[in-house]
PDB file of N, CA and C in Angstrom:
ATOM      1  N   MET A   1     110.291 125.954 100.844  1.00  0.00           N
ATOM      2  CA  MET A   1     109.060 125.181 100.876  1.00  0.00           C
ATOM      3  C   MET A   1     109.182 123.973 101.799  1.00  0.00           C
ATOM      4  N   GLY A   2     110.365 123.565 102.179  1.00  0.00           N
ATOM      5  CA  GLY A   2     110.575 122.361 102.965  1.00  0.00           C
ATOM      6  C   GLY A   2     109.819 122.322 104.274  1.00  0.00           C
ATOM      7  N   LYS A   3     110.010 123.335 105.133  1.00  0.00           N
ATOM      8  CA  LYS A   3     109.362 123.330 106.448  1.00  0.00           C
ATOM      9  C   LYS A   3     107.845 123.442 106.315  1.00  0.00           C
ATOM     10  N   GLN A   4     107.402 124.270 105.397  1.00  0.00           N
ATOM     11  CA  GLN A   4     105.963 124.430 105.202  1.00  0.00           C
ATOM     12  C   GLN A   4     105.333 123.120 104.722  1.00  0.00           C
ATOM     13  N   LEU A   5     105.994 122.458 103.799  1.00  0.00           N
ATOM     14  CA  LEU A   5     105.495 121.181 103.300  1.00  0.00           C
ATOM     15  C   LEU A   5     105.428 120.154 104.425  1.00  0.00           C
ATOM     16  N   THR A   6     106.462 120.097 105.247  1.00  0.00           N
ATOM     17  CA  THR A   6     106.494 119.160 106.370  1.00  0.00           C
ATOM     18  C   THR A   6     105.328 119.408 107.316  1.00  0.00           C
ATOM     19  N   GLU A   7     105.067 120.662 107.630  1.00  0.00           N
ATOM     20  CA  GLU A   7     103.972 120.997 108.537  1.00  0.00           C
ATOM     21  C   GLU A   7     102.614 120.640 107.942  1.00  0.00           C
ATOM     22  N   MET A   8     102.433 120.894 106.655  1.00  0.00           N
ATOM     23  CA  MET A   8     101.160 120.559 106.008  1.00  0.00           C
ATOM     24  C   MET A   8     100.973 119.046 105.920  1.00  0.00           C
ATOM     25  N   LEU A   9     102.053 118.332 105.692  1.00  0.00           N
ATOM     26  CA  LEU A   9     101.977 116.869 105.615  1.00  0.00           C
ATOM     27  C   LEU A   9     101.540 116.258 106.936  1.00  0.00           C
ATOM     28  N   LYS A  10     101.962 116.854 108.041  1.00  0.00           N
ATOM     29  CA  LYS A  10     101.582 116.319 109.353  1.00  0.00           C
ATOM     30  C   LYS A  10     100.070 116.194 109.473  1.00  0.00           C
ATOM     31  N   GLY A  11      99.350 117.150 108.935  1.00  0.00           N
ATOM     32  CA  GLY A  11      97.899 117.144 109.037  1.00  0.00           C
ATOM     33  C   GLY A  11      97.198 116.271 108.014  1.00  0.00           C
ATOM     34  N   THR A  12      97.902 115.886 106.973  1.00  0.00           N
ATOM     35  CA  THR A  12      97.246 115.136 105.901  1.00  0.00           C
ATOM     36  C   THR A  12      97.811 113.739 105.683  1.00  0.00           C
ATOM     37  N   LEU A  13      98.922 113.414 106.317  1.00  0.00           N
ATOM     38  CA  LEU A  13      99.585 112.142 106.049  1.00  0.00           C
ATOM     39  C   LEU A  13      98.696 110.934 106.352  1.00  0.00           C
ATOM     40  N   GLU A  14      97.909 111.027 107.403  1.00  0.00           N
ATOM     41  CA  GLU A  14      97.001 109.928 107.733  1.00  0.00           C
ATOM     42  C   GLU A  14      96.036 109.658 106.580  1.00  0.00           C
ATOM     43  N   GLY A  15      95.443 110.714 106.045  1.00  0.00           N
ATOM     44  CA  GLY A  15      94.536 110.559 104.915  1.00  0.00           C
ATOM     45  C   GLY A  15      95.246 110.027 103.681  1.00  0.00           C
ATOM     46  N   ILE A  16      96.471 110.475 103.467  1.00  0.00           N
ATOM     47  CA  ILE A  16      97.253 110.000 102.319  1.00  0.00           C
ATOM     48  C   ILE A  16      97.501 108.499 102.436  1.00  0.00           C
ATOM     49  N   VAL A  17      97.897 108.049 103.622  1.00  0.00           N
ATOM     50  CA  VAL A  17      98.165 106.617 103.826  1.00  0.00           C
ATOM     51  C   VAL A  17      96.885 105.806 103.670  1.00  0.00           C
ATOM     52  N   LEU A  18      95.790 106.296 104.201  1.00  0.00           N
ATOM     53  CA  LEU A  18      94.516 105.586 104.031  1.00  0.00           C
ATOM     54  C   LEU A  18      94.122 105.523 102.555  1.00  0.00           C
ATOM     55  N   ALA A  19      94.392 106.593 101.815  1.00  0.00           N
ATOM     56  CA  ALA A  19      94.095 106.592 100.382  1.00  0.00           C
ATOM     57  C   ALA A  19      94.937 105.548  99.656  1.00  0.00           C
ATOM     58  N   ILE A  20      96.203 105.416 100.046  1.00  0.00           N
ATOM     59  CA  ILE A  20      97.066 104.389  99.458  1.00  0.00           C
ATOM     60  C   ILE A  20      96.481 103.010  99.735  1.00  0.00           C
ATOM     61  N   LEU A  21      96.080 102.797 100.987  1.00  0.00           N
ATOM     62  CA  LEU A  21      95.541 101.489 101.377  1.00  0.00           C
ATOM     63  C   LEU A  21      94.169 101.213 100.760  1.00  0.00           C
ATOM     64  N   SER A  22      93.478 102.247 100.315  1.00  0.00           N
ATOM     65  CA  SER A  22      92.192 102.016  99.659  1.00  0.00           C
ATOM     66  C   SER A  22      92.386 101.354  98.300  1.00  0.00           C
ATOM     67  N   GLY A  23      93.563 101.506  97.742  1.00  0.00           N
ATOM     68  CA  GLY A  23      93.861 100.884  96.459  1.00  0.00           C
ATOM     69  C   GLY A  23      94.269  99.432  96.572  1.00  0.00           C
ATOM     70  N   ARG A  24      95.021  99.130  97.634  1.00  0.00           N
ATOM     71  CA  ARG A  24      95.470  97.748  97.843  1.00  0.00           C
ATOM     72  C   ARG A  24      96.146  97.641  99.200  1.00  0.00           C
ATOM     73  N   PRO A  25      96.157  96.437  99.773  1.00  0.00           N
ATOM     74  CA  PRO A  25      96.877  96.231 101.027  1.00  0.00           C
ATOM     75  C   PRO A  25      98.381  96.474 100.826  1.00  0.00           C
ATOM     76  N   ALA A  26      99.044  96.903 101.880  1.00  0.00           N
ATOM     77  CA  ALA A  26     100.482  97.175 101.794  1.00  0.00           C
ATOM     78  C   ALA A  26     101.105  97.091 103.178  1.00  0.00           C
ATOM     79  N   TYR A  27     102.406  96.924 103.207  1.00  0.00           N
ATOM     80  CA  TYR A  27     103.137  96.968 104.470  1.00  0.00           C
ATOM     81  C   TYR A  27     103.903  98.287 104.551  1.00  0.00           C
ATOM     82  N   GLY A  28     104.407  98.587 105.716  1.00  0.00           N
ATOM     83  CA  GLY A  28     104.993  99.899 105.991  1.00  0.00           C
ATOM     84  C   GLY A  28     106.046 100.352 105.004  1.00  0.00           C
ATOM     85  N   TYR A  29     106.998  99.482 104.695  1.00  0.00           N
ATOM     86  CA  TYR A  29     108.068  99.891 103.793  1.00  0.00           C
ATOM     87  C   TYR A  29     107.528 100.181 102.393  1.00  0.00           C
ATOM     88  N   GLU A  30     106.551  99.404 101.934  1.00  0.00           N
ATOM     89  CA  GLU A  30     105.940  99.655 100.616  1.00  0.00           C
ATOM     90  C   GLU A  30     105.324 101.052 100.558  1.00  0.00           C
ATOM     91  N   ILE A  31     104.635 101.411 101.629  1.00  0.00           N
ATOM     92  CA  ILE A  31     103.989 102.728 101.694  1.00  0.00           C
ATOM     93  C   ILE A  31     105.039 103.827 101.655  1.00  0.00           C
ATOM     94  N   THR A  32     106.087 103.671 102.459  1.00  0.00           N
ATOM     95  CA  THR A  32     107.161 104.662 102.491  1.00  0.00           C
ATOM     96  C   THR A  32     107.821 104.788 101.121  1.00  0.00           C
ATOM     97  N   ALA A  33     108.118 103.658 100.486  1.00  0.00           N
ATOM     98  CA  ALA A  33     108.761 103.673  99.175  1.00  0.00           C
ATOM     99  C   ALA A  33     107.875 104.374  98.146  1.00  0.00           C
ATOM    100  N   TRP A  34     106.574 104.096  98.166  1.00  0.00           N
ATOM    101  CA  TRP A  34     105.663 104.719  97.213  1.00  0.00           C
ATOM    102  C   TRP A  34     105.627 106.233  97.422  1.00  0.00           C
ATOM    103  N   LEU A  35     105.554 106.661  98.686  1.00  0.00           N
ATOM    104  CA  LEU A  35     105.539 108.094  98.980  1.00  0.00           C
ATOM    105  C   LEU A  35     106.812 108.768  98.465  1.00  0.00           C
ATOM    106  N   ARG A  36     107.946 108.117  98.668  1.00  0.00           N
ATOM    107  CA  ARG A  36     109.212 108.670  98.176  1.00  0.00           C
ATOM    108  C   ARG A  36     109.222 108.753  96.657  1.00  0.00           C
ATOM    109  N   GLU A  37     108.683 107.745  95.989  1.00  0.00           N
ATOM    110  CA  GLU A  37     108.588 107.777  94.522  1.00  0.00           C
ATOM    111  C   GLU A  37     107.726 108.939  94.044  1.00  0.00           C
ATOM    112  N   GLN A  38     106.748 109.320  94.863  1.00  0.00           N
ATOM    113  CA  GLN A  38     105.848 110.424  94.513  1.00  0.00           C
ATOM    114  C   GLN A  38     106.419 111.783  94.886  1.00  0.00           C
ATOM    115  N   GLY A  39     107.653 111.803  95.393  1.00  0.00           N
ATOM    116  CA  GLY A  39     108.302 113.073  95.698  1.00  0.00           C
ATOM    117  C   GLY A  39     108.345 113.449  97.163  1.00  0.00           C
ATOM    118  N   PHE A  40     107.776 112.639  98.029  1.00  0.00           N
ATOM    119  CA  PHE A  40     107.804 112.915  99.467  1.00  0.00           C
ATOM    120  C   PHE A  40     109.070 112.298 100.069  1.00  0.00           C
ATOM    121  N   SER A  41     110.212 112.798  99.645  1.00  0.00           N
ATOM    122  CA  SER A  41     111.489 112.169  99.982  1.00  0.00           C
ATOM    123  C   SER A  41     111.891 112.340 101.447  1.00  0.00           C
ATOM    124  N   ASP A  42     111.332 113.308 102.133  1.00  0.00           N
ATOM    125  CA  ASP A  42     111.728 113.568 103.521  1.00  0.00           C
ATOM    126  C   ASP A  42     110.959 112.753 104.549  1.00  0.00           C
ATOM    127  N   ILE A  43     110.021 111.936 104.115  1.00  0.00           N
ATOM    128  CA  ILE A  43     109.227 111.163 105.064  1.00  0.00           C
ATOM    129  C   ILE A  43     110.052 109.989 105.584  1.00  0.00           C
ATOM    130  N   ALA A  44     110.203 109.938 106.893  1.00  0.00           N
ATOM    131  CA  ALA A  44     110.975 108.870 107.525  1.00  0.00           C
ATOM    132  C   ALA A  44     110.110 107.621 107.663  1.00  0.00           C
ATOM    133  N   GLU A  45     110.755 106.482 107.516  1.00  0.00           N
ATOM    134  CA  GLU A  45     110.050 105.210 107.655  1.00  0.00           C
ATOM    135  C   GLU A  45     109.376 105.116 109.024  1.00  0.00           C
ATOM    136  N   GLY A  46     110.059 105.593 110.051  1.00  0.00           N
ATOM    137  CA  GLY A  46     109.510 105.555 111.402  1.00  0.00           C
ATOM    138  C   GLY A  46     108.215 106.335 111.534  1.00  0.00           C
ATOM    139  N   THR A  47     108.093 107.408 110.785  1.00  0.00           N
ATOM    140  CA  THR A  47     106.867 108.213 110.797  1.00  0.00           C
ATOM    141  C   THR A  47     105.691 107.380 110.290  1.00  0.00           C
ATOM    142  N   ILE A  48     105.925 106.630 109.221  1.00  0.00           N
ATOM    143  CA  ILE A  48     104.864 105.795 108.641  1.00  0.00           C
ATOM    144  C   ILE A  48     104.495 104.675 109.597  1.00  0.00           C
ATOM    145  N   TYR A  49     105.497 104.029 110.210  1.00  0.00           N
ATOM    146  CA  TYR A  49     105.198 102.937 111.138  1.00  0.00           C
ATOM    147  C   TYR A  49     104.411 103.431 112.342  1.00  0.00           C
ATOM    148  N   ALA A  50     104.757 104.589 112.873  1.00  0.00           N
ATOM    149  CA  ALA A  50     104.009 105.149 114.006  1.00  0.00           C
ATOM    150  C   ALA A  50     102.569 105.457 113.599  1.00  0.00           C
ATOM    151  N   LEU A  51     102.388 105.995 112.399  1.00  0.00           N
ATOM    152  CA  LEU A  51     101.057 106.300 111.905  1.00  0.00           C
ATOM    153  C   LEU A  51     100.251 105.016 111.725  1.00  0.00           C
ATOM    154  N   LEU A  52     100.881 103.959 111.202  1.00  0.00           N
ATOM    155  CA  LEU A  52     100.185 102.685 111.018  1.00  0.00           C
ATOM    156  C   LEU A  52      99.725 102.098 112.349  1.00  0.00           C
ATOM    157  N   VAL A  53     100.543 102.240 113.372  1.00  0.00           N
ATOM    158  CA  VAL A  53     100.150 101.771 114.707  1.00  0.00           C
ATOM    159  C   VAL A  53      98.915 102.541 115.176  1.00  0.00           C
ATOM    160  N   ARG A  54      98.914 103.853 114.983  1.00  0.00           N
ATOM    161  CA  ARG A  54      97.772 104.682 115.419  1.00  0.00           C
ATOM    162  C   ARG A  54      96.493 104.306 114.685  1.00  0.00           C
ATOM    163  N   ILE A  55      96.578 104.150 113.358  1.00  0.00           N
ATOM    164  CA  ILE A  55      95.337 103.838 112.636  1.00  0.00           C
ATOM    165  C   ILE A  55      94.875 102.411 112.913  1.00  0.00           C
ATOM    166  N   GLU A  56      95.814 101.534 113.251  1.00  0.00           N
ATOM    167  CA  GLU A  56      95.414 100.175 113.665  1.00  0.00           C
ATOM    168  C   GLU A  56      94.689 100.236 115.003  1.00  0.00           C
ATOM    169  N   GLN A  57      95.222 100.992 115.952  1.00  0.00           N
ATOM    170  CA  GLN A  57      94.604 101.116 117.276  1.00  0.00           C
ATOM    171  C   GLN A  57      93.218 101.745 117.183  1.00  0.00           C
ATOM    172  N   ARG A  58      93.015 102.618 116.201  1.00  0.00           N
ATOM    173  CA  ARG A  58      91.712 103.274 116.030  1.00  0.00           C
ATOM    174  C   ARG A  58      90.741 102.425 115.229  1.00  0.00           C
ATOM    175  N   GLY A  59      91.176 101.252 114.780  1.00  0.00           N
ATOM    176  CA  GLY A  59      90.283 100.328 114.086  1.00  0.00           C
ATOM    177  C   GLY A  59      89.981 100.696 112.648  1.00  0.00           C
ATOM    178  N   LEU A  60      90.891 101.452 111.991  1.00  0.00           N
ATOM    179  CA  LEU A  60      90.657 101.880 110.615  1.00  0.00           C
ATOM    180  C   LEU A  60      91.210 100.905 109.582  1.00  0.00           C
ATOM    181  N   VAL A  61      92.037  99.977 110.044  1.00  0.00           N
ATOM    182  CA  VAL A  61      92.652  99.002 109.135  1.00  0.00           C
ATOM    183  C   VAL A  61      92.595  97.611 109.753  1.00  0.00           C
ATOM    184  N   ASP A  62      92.666  96.614 108.884  1.00  0.00           N
ATOM    185  CA  ASP A  62      92.854  95.239 109.321  1.00  0.00           C
ATOM    186  C   ASP A  62      94.314  94.895 109.063  1.00  0.00           C
ATOM    187  N   VAL A  63      94.852  94.015 109.892  1.00  0.00           N
ATOM    188  CA  VAL A  63      96.268  93.661 109.788  1.00  0.00           C
ATOM    189  C   VAL A  63      96.394  92.156 109.650  1.00  0.00           C
ATOM    190  N   GLU A  64      97.236  91.752 108.714  1.00  0.00           N
ATOM    191  CA  GLU A  64      97.523  90.340 108.522  1.00  0.00           C
ATOM    192  C   GLU A  64      99.031  90.166 108.520  1.00  0.00           C
ATOM    193  N   LYS A  65      99.505  89.191 109.287  1.00  0.00           N
ATOM    194  CA  LYS A  65     100.936  88.898 109.276  1.00  0.00           C
ATOM    195  C   LYS A  65     101.215  87.916 108.140  1.00  0.00           C
ATOM    196  N   VAL A  66     102.117  88.328 107.253  1.00  0.00           N
ATOM    197  CA  VAL A  66     102.447  87.545 106.070  1.00  0.00           C
ATOM    198  C   VAL A  66     103.912  87.143 106.145  1.00  0.00           C
ATOM    199  N   PRO A  67     104.207  85.866 105.911  1.00  0.00           N
ATOM    200  CA  PRO A  67     105.607  85.432 105.954  1.00  0.00           C
ATOM    201  C   PRO A  67     106.475  86.245 104.990  1.00  0.00           C
ATOM    202  N   SER A  68     107.698  86.490 105.422  1.00  0.00           N
ATOM    203  CA  SER A  68     108.645  87.234 104.614  1.00  0.00           C
ATOM    204  C   SER A  68     109.825  86.343 104.264  1.00  0.00           C
ATOM    205  N   GLU A  69     110.337  86.512 103.060  1.00  0.00           N
ATOM    206  CA  GLU A  69     111.516  85.743 102.652  1.00  0.00           C
ATOM    207  C   GLU A  69     112.748  86.192 103.426  1.00  0.00           C
ATOM    208  N   LYS A  70     112.717  87.429 103.891  1.00  0.00           N
ATOM    209  CA  LYS A  70     113.874  88.009 104.578  1.00  0.00           C
ATOM    210  C   LYS A  70     113.490  88.423 105.997  1.00  0.00           C
ATOM    211  N   GLY A  71     113.514  87.508 106.925  1.00  0.00           N
ATOM    212  CA  GLY A  71     113.266  87.869 108.314  1.00  0.00           C
ATOM    213  C   GLY A  71     111.877  87.558 108.811  1.00  0.00           C
ATOM    214  N   PRO A  72     111.455  88.317 109.837  1.00  0.00           N
ATOM    215  CA  PRO A  72     110.161  88.045 110.485  1.00  0.00           C
ATOM    216  C   PRO A  72     108.984  88.363 109.559  1.00  0.00           C
ATOM    217  N   PRO A  73     107.801  87.868 109.918  1.00  0.00           N
ATOM    218  CA  PRO A  73     106.608  88.157 109.102  1.00  0.00           C
ATOM    219  C   PRO A  73     106.354  89.664 109.004  1.00  0.00           C
ATOM    220  N   ARG A  74     105.780  90.065 107.891  1.00  0.00           N
ATOM    221  CA  ARG A  74     105.427  91.472 107.680  1.00  0.00           C
ATOM    222  C   ARG A  74     103.975  91.686 108.071  1.00  0.00           C
ATOM    223  N   LYS A  75     103.707  92.871 108.603  1.00  0.00           N
ATOM    224  CA  LYS A  75     102.327  93.257 108.886  1.00  0.00           C
ATOM    225  C   LYS A  75     101.790  93.965 107.649  1.00  0.00           C
ATOM    226  N   VAL A  76     100.799  93.350 107.035  1.00  0.00           N
ATOM    227  CA  VAL A  76     100.176  93.936 105.842  1.00  0.00           C
ATOM    228  C   VAL A  76      98.860  94.580 106.278  1.00  0.00           C
ATOM    229  N   TYR A  77      98.714  95.847 105.921  1.00  0.00           N
ATOM    230  CA  TYR A  77      97.554  96.640 106.332  1.00  0.00           C
ATOM    231  C   TYR A  77      96.574  96.758 105.175  1.00  0.00           C
ATOM    232  N   SER A  78      95.288  96.604 105.485  1.00  0.00           N
ATOM    233  CA  SER A  78      94.249  96.825 104.484  1.00  0.00           C
ATOM    234  C   SER A  78      93.146  97.667 105.107  1.00  0.00           C
ATOM    235  N   LEU A  79      92.573  98.517 104.304  1.00  0.00           N
ATOM    236  CA  LEU A  79      91.524  99.416 104.771  1.00  0.00           C
ATOM    237  C   LEU A  79      90.248  98.616 105.004  1.00  0.00           C
ATOM    238  N   ASN A  80      89.624  98.810 106.156  1.00  0.00           N
ATOM    239  CA  ASN A  80      88.362  98.132 106.439  1.00  0.00           C
ATOM    240  C   ASN A  80      87.206  99.128 106.280  1.00  0.00           C
ATOM    241  N   ALA A  81      86.000  98.691 106.575  1.00  0.00           N
ATOM    242  CA  ALA A  81      84.811  99.540 106.379  1.00  0.00           C
ATOM    243  C   ALA A  81      84.904 100.835 107.176  1.00  0.00           C
ATOM    244  N   ARG A  82      85.347 100.746 108.418  1.00  0.00           N
ATOM    245  CA  ARG A  82      85.471 101.958 109.249  1.00  0.00           C
ATOM    246  C   ARG A  82      86.512 102.908 108.658  1.00  0.00           C
ATOM    247  N   GLY A  83      87.606 102.343 108.152  1.00  0.00           N
ATOM    248  CA  GLY A  83      88.637 103.151 107.514  1.00  0.00           C
ATOM    249  C   GLY A  83      88.136 103.823 106.244  1.00  0.00           C
ATOM    250  N   ARG A  84      87.301 103.112 105.485  1.00  0.00           N
ATOM    251  CA  ARG A  84      86.735 103.698 104.262  1.00  0.00           C
ATOM    252  C   ARG A  84      85.822 104.884 104.595  1.00  0.00           C
ATOM    253  N   GLU A  85      85.034 104.742 105.648  1.00  0.00           N
ATOM    254  CA  GLU A  85      84.179 105.851 106.091  1.00  0.00           C
ATOM    255  C   GLU A  85      85.035 107.047 106.499  1.00  0.00           C
ATOM    256  N   TYR A  86      86.092 106.762 107.248  1.00  0.00           N
ATOM    257  CA  TYR A  86      86.987 107.833 107.689  1.00  0.00           C
ATOM    258  C   TYR A  86      87.639 108.511 106.483  1.00  0.00           C
ATOM    259  N   LEU A  87      88.060 107.717 105.497  1.00  0.00           N
ATOM    260  CA  LEU A  87      88.690 108.266 104.296  1.00  0.00           C
ATOM    261  C   LEU A  87      87.698 109.129 103.512  1.00  0.00           C
ATOM    262  N   GLU A  88      86.444 108.689 103.422  1.00  0.00           N
ATOM    263  CA  GLU A  88      85.429 109.504 102.741  1.00  0.00           C
ATOM    264  C   GLU A  88      85.281 110.858 103.426  1.00  0.00           C
ATOM    265  N   GLU A  89      85.274 110.854 104.753  1.00  0.00           N
ATOM    266  CA  GLU A  89      85.190 112.114 105.502  1.00  0.00           C
ATOM    267  C   GLU A  89      86.425 112.974 105.257  1.00  0.00           C
ATOM    268  N   PHE A  90      87.596 112.340 105.197  1.00  0.00           N
ATOM    269  CA  PHE A  90      88.839 113.060 104.895  1.00  0.00           C
ATOM    270  C   PHE A  90      88.708 113.766 103.547  1.00  0.00           C
ATOM    271  N   TRP A  91      88.216 113.070 102.514  1.00  0.00           N
ATOM    272  CA  TRP A  91      88.096 113.674 101.186  1.00  0.00           C
ATOM    273  C   TRP A  91      87.065 114.803 101.179  1.00  0.00           C
ATOM    274  N   ARG A  92      85.978 114.648 101.934  1.00  0.00           N
ATOM    275  CA  ARG A  92      84.993 115.746 102.027  1.00  0.00           C
ATOM    276  C   ARG A  92      85.637 116.974 102.661  1.00  0.00           C
ATOM    277  N   THR A  93      86.379 116.761 103.730  1.00  0.00           N
ATOM    278  CA  THR A  93      87.056 117.861 104.407  1.00  0.00           C
ATOM    279  C   THR A  93      88.106 118.484 103.494  1.00  0.00           C
ATOM    280  N   TRP A  94      88.857 117.645 102.794  1.00  0.00           N
ATOM    281  CA  TRP A  94      89.880 118.131 101.870  1.00  0.00           C
ATOM    282  C   TRP A  94      89.241 119.003 100.783  1.00  0.00           C
ATOM    283  N   SER A  95      88.129 118.557 100.230  1.00  0.00           N
ATOM    284  CA  SER A  95      87.439 119.325  99.190  1.00  0.00           C
ATOM    285  C   SER A  95      86.970 120.672  99.724  1.00  0.00           C
ATOM    286  N   PHE A  96      86.408 120.671 100.917  1.00  0.00           N
ATOM    287  CA  PHE A  96      85.959 121.918 101.539  1.00  0.00           C
ATOM    288  C   PHE A  96      87.129 122.887 101.682  1.00  0.00           C
ATOM    289  N   LEU A  97      88.244 122.405 102.230  1.00  0.00           N
ATOM    290  CA  LEU A  97      89.404 123.267 102.445  1.00  0.00           C
ATOM    291  C   LEU A  97      90.002 123.777 101.144  1.00  0.00           C
ATOM    292  N   THR A  98      90.149 122.909 100.158  1.00  0.00           N
ATOM    293  CA  THR A  98      90.758 123.349  98.899  1.00  0.00           C
ATOM    294  C   THR A  98      89.869 124.369  98.180  1.00  0.00           C
ATOM    295  N   GLU A  99      88.561 124.201  98.266  1.00  0.00           N
ATOM    296  CA  GLU A  99      87.662 125.180  97.650  1.00  0.00           C
ATOM    297  C   GLU A  99      87.812 126.539  98.321  1.00  0.00           C
ATOM    298  N   ARG A 100      87.864 126.543  99.646  1.00  0.00           N
ATOM    299  CA  ARG A 100      87.991 127.813 100.378  1.00  0.00           C
ATOM    300  C   ARG A 100      89.352 128.455 100.131  1.00  0.00           C
ATOM    301  N   LEU A 101      90.396 127.658 100.095  1.00  0.00           N
ATOM    302  CA  LEU A 101      91.736 128.198  99.832  1.00  0.00           C
ATOM    303  C   LEU A 101      91.824 128.780  98.422  1.00  0.00           C
ATOM    304  N   GLU A 102      91.205 128.114  97.479  1.00  0.00           N
ATOM    305  CA  GLU A 102      91.209 128.618  96.099  1.00  0.00           C
ATOM    306  C   GLU A 102      90.461 129.946  96.023  1.00  0.00           C
ATOM    307  N   GLN A 103      89.362 130.066  96.763  1.00  0.00           N
ATOM    308  CA  GLN A 103      88.628 131.333  96.809  1.00  0.00           C
ATOM    309  C   GLN A 103      89.514 132.440  97.377  1.00  0.00           C
ATOM    310  N   LEU A 104      90.251 132.130  98.441  1.00  0.00           N
ATOM    311  CA  LEU A 104      91.151 133.131  99.028  1.00  0.00           C
ATOM    312  C   LEU A 104      92.231 133.524  98.052  1.00  0.00           C
ATOM    313  N   ARG A 105      92.782 132.551  97.342  1.00  0.00           N
ATOM    314  CA  ARG A 105      93.850 132.837  96.392  1.00  0.00           C
ATOM    315  C   ARG A 105      93.358 133.727  95.264  1.00  0.00           C
ATOM    316  N   GLU A 106      92.100 133.555  94.902  1.00  0.00           N
ATOM    317  CA  GLU A 106      91.521 134.359  93.827  1.00  0.00           C
ATOM    318  C   GLU A 106      90.994 135.694  94.334  1.00  0.00           C
ATOM    319  N   GLY A 107      91.295 136.033  95.555  1.00  0.00           N
ATOM    320  CA  GLY A 107      90.893 137.333  96.085  1.00  0.00           C
ATOM    321  C   GLY A 107      89.556 137.342  96.779  1.00  0.00           C
ATOM    322  N   GLY A 108      89.112 136.185  97.262  1.00  0.00           N
ATOM    323  CA  GLY A 108      87.865 136.120  98.021  1.00  0.00           C
ATOM    324  C   GLY A 108      86.608 136.149  97.189  1.00  0.00           C
ATOM    325  N   LYS A 109      86.736 135.864  95.917  1.00  0.00           N
ATOM    326  CA  LYS A 109      85.553 135.886  95.021  1.00  0.00           C
ATOM    327  C   LYS A 109      84.619 134.742  95.289  1.00  0.00           C
TER     328      LYS A 109
END
């Protein structure tokens, strides 16, 4: 299941991260740690940071630099209105796909 899971995650990780940020602002390491706690142990921190850069460039999140007790300031990401719209579309698409996949699994009924 490892390779298949990795490939499926590539297509959904952006939506997963946006869903996390819809609950509360977070910085990259927090997001990675939470994903690992949820069983996504193979996700590299670098993957999350690259994704955060992409969604920031696309205007889906707001970024605030917050002082850190250990080193340079942290970039804390929060979902903005455009990101919420994008996340809503992600969930609509996810629902469509899961319904169709469930129909296929049940023999096309």
